[in-house]
Amino acid sequence: MRNSLFILLLVGLFGQLHAQTFKAESDSIKLHFGFPTLALVDTISFMDENENRLLEPDESSVAVFTIKNTSKYPAKEVMIAPEELNGIEGFDGFKKVEVGDIPAGAEKRVEIGINSTEKLKAGTANFVFHLFEKGVENDISIVFTIATSDVPMEFDDEDE
């Protein structure tokens, strides 16, 4: 019995399976967590109803510009939120403009409506157009300045 216990002990000590080591090799995996970069491509054009480049009471106008995605990553759900910085009274609110997706390297033309009420005050309106991508404000905002008047716009007799 003692011999069988001794043999069993020897088998237990020397009969163990050696632990196996697994070595895995693969090409490195590169993950790119880049962000789109939006830029103003050209100057902002301002178009008002009577084409005098002055915003007057009860006048509709539009600021037009082009933004470009200069990165290699798509910009998703781009939106622009206008804001007037000087607190001039007489603007008819500002609506956010949904630009949509801008693929890498692509450009989009944007039109922002700027409408005044009869209560518009004279001065200088400084606008900032905040750019958002997927609800997060982008690094750039576009600043735009226009003169305002509290005198109603005049049209030639032919236009009335």
Foldseek 3Di string as FASTA:
>chain_A
DVVVVVVVVVCVVPVDDDDDDDDDDDDDDDDDPDDWDKDWDDDKDKAWDVRPQAAEAQIKIKIKTKMWGADQAKFAFKKKWKDWDPPWPFWPDFDIGTQGIHHHGGMDMDIGMTGGHLRTDWDKTKMWIFIDGPRHTHPDIDIDIGTYHNDHDDDDPVVD
